[in-house]
Protein backbone atom coordinates (compact mmCIF):
# COMPACT_ATOMS: atom_id res chain seq x y z
CA MET A 1 2.81 -3.97 0.91
CA MET A 2 2.71 -6.80 -1.61
CA GLN A 3 -1.09 -6.61 -1.67
CA LYS A 4 -0.83 -2.94 -2.56
CA GLN A 5 1.64 -3.64 -5.38
CA HIS A 6 -0.59 -6.42 -6.68
CA LEU A 7 -3.63 -4.11 -6.65
CA GLU A 8 -1.70 -1.33 -8.38
CA SER A 9 -0.63 -3.80 -11.07
CA GLU A 10 -4.21 -5.05 -11.45
CA HIS A 11 -5.49 -1.46 -11.65
CA LEU A 12 -2.97 -0.57 -14.38
CA GLU A 13 -3.82 -3.72 -16.34
CA THR A 14 -7.53 -2.91 -16.13
CA GLU A 15 -6.94 0.65 -17.34
CA ARG A 16 -4.95 -0.63 -20.33
CA ALA A 17 -7.67 -3.14 -21.19
CA LEU A 18 -10.29 -0.38 -21.01
CA GLU A 19 -8.23 1.83 -23.32
CA VAL A 20 -7.93 -0.94 -25.91
CA LEU A 21 -11.60 -1.83 -25.58
CA GLN A 22 -12.68 1.80 -26.03
CA LYS A 23 -10.88 1.84 -29.39
CA ALA A 24 -12.83 -1.18 -30.64
CA ASN A 25 -16.00 -0.73 -32.68
CA ASP A 26 -19.29 -1.52 -30.99
CA ASP A 27 -19.95 -4.38 -33.42
CA ASP A 28 -16.48 -5.96 -33.07
CA THR A 29 -16.33 -9.44 -31.58
CA VAL A 30 -14.74 -9.33 -28.13
CA TYR A 31 -13.84 -12.02 -25.64
CA LYS A 32 -13.15 -12.20 -21.93
CA THR A 33 -11.23 -14.77 -19.97
CA ALA A 34 -13.04 -17.17 -17.71
CA GLY A 35 -10.36 -19.27 -16.11
CA SER A 36 -8.37 -20.83 -18.91
CA ILE A 37 -10.98 -20.28 -21.64
CA LEU A 38 -12.23 -17.30 -23.65
CA VAL A 39 -15.91 -16.43 -23.65
CA LYS A 40 -17.57 -14.29 -26.31
CA SER A 41 -19.07 -11.09 -24.93
CA THR A 42 -20.17 -7.61 -25.95
CA LYS A 43 -18.10 -4.46 -25.77
CA ALA A 44 -20.63 -2.76 -23.49
CA THR A 45 -20.64 -5.68 -21.05
CA LEU A 46 -16.86 -5.82 -20.90
CA VAL A 47 -16.52 -2.05 -20.46
CA SER A 48 -19.00 -2.19 -17.59
CA GLU A 49 -17.21 -5.12 -15.93
CA LEU A 50 -13.79 -3.51 -16.32
CA GLN A 51 -14.98 -0.18 -14.92
CA GLU A 52 -16.44 -1.98 -11.93
CA LYS A 53 -13.20 -3.90 -11.46
CA LYS A 54 -11.25 -0.63 -11.68
CA GLU A 55 -13.47 1.06 -9.08
CA LEU A 56 -13.12 -1.92 -6.75
CA ALA A 57 -9.34 -1.84 -7.10
CA ASN A 58 -9.35 1.91 -6.36
CA THR A 59 -11.43 1.35 -3.24
CA ARG A 60 -9.19 -1.46 -2.04
CA LEU A 61 -6.08 0.66 -2.71
CA THR A 62 -7.56 3.49 -0.66
CA VAL A 63 -8.33 1.14 2.22
CA LEU A 64 -4.85 -0.40 2.11
CA SER A 65 -3.22 3.04 2.04
CA LYS A 66 -5.21 4.12 5.09
CA GLN A 67 -4.30 0.89 6.90
CA GLU A 68 -0.64 1.38 6.01
CA THR A 69 -0.74 4.94 7.37
CA ARG A 70 -2.39 3.81 10.61
CA ILE A 71 0.12 1.00 11.08
CA LYS A 72 3.03 3.37 10.54
CA GLU A 73 1.57 5.83 13.06
CA ASN A 74 1.04 3.05 15.61
CA LEU A 75 4.58 1.82 15.04
CA LYS A 76 6.02 5.32 15.57
CA GLU A 77 3.97 5.71 18.75
CA ALA A 78 5.13 2.35 20.08
CA GLU A 79 8.72 3.14 19.17
CA SER A 80 8.46 6.48 20.96
CA LYS A 81 7.07 4.81 24.10
CA ILE A 82 9.85 2.22 24.06
CA ARG A 83 12.51 4.90 23.66
CA GLU A 84 10.97 6.88 26.51
CA MET A 85 10.98 3.79 28.72
CA LEU A 86 14.63 3.11 27.86
CA ARG A 87 15.59 6.72 28.59
CA GLY A 88 13.71 6.64 31.87
CA SER A 89 14.51 4.54 34.88
CA GLY A 90 14.67 1.29 33.04
CA ALA A 91 12.11 -0.05 35.48
CA PRO A 92 8.69 -1.07 34.19
CA PRO A 93 6.01 1.63 34.49
CA GLY A 94 4.43 1.86 37.90
CA GLN A 95 7.54 0.67 39.76
CA PRO A 96 9.68 3.21 41.59
CA LYS A 97 13.24 3.82 40.54
CA THR A 98 15.75 2.41 43.00
CA ASP A 99 19.05 4.25 43.36
CA THR A 100 20.65 1.90 45.87
CA PRO A 101 23.19 -0.51 44.37
CA LYS A 102 23.02 -4.17 45.33
């Protein structure tokens, strides 16, 4: 869940950066971060990199959403089986129910 929130935040940040970059003139000086330093780049290069980063985040979000759905379905199925076992004889599957008290 935290991964998904992190990816959503990263995706939003990338979209905002793309919006700002699109407003810049083609001949404006632009920089990108590389660790703790700024590196001079071109608008076209940065737009391309940010779009790729955005697509990757979208793909990862889709994968995480599908995984989350599958996990929830598996959890519901397991919960249902446990409830059924508790409602049943109380004996493990495959063992007959004994009605005679000890």
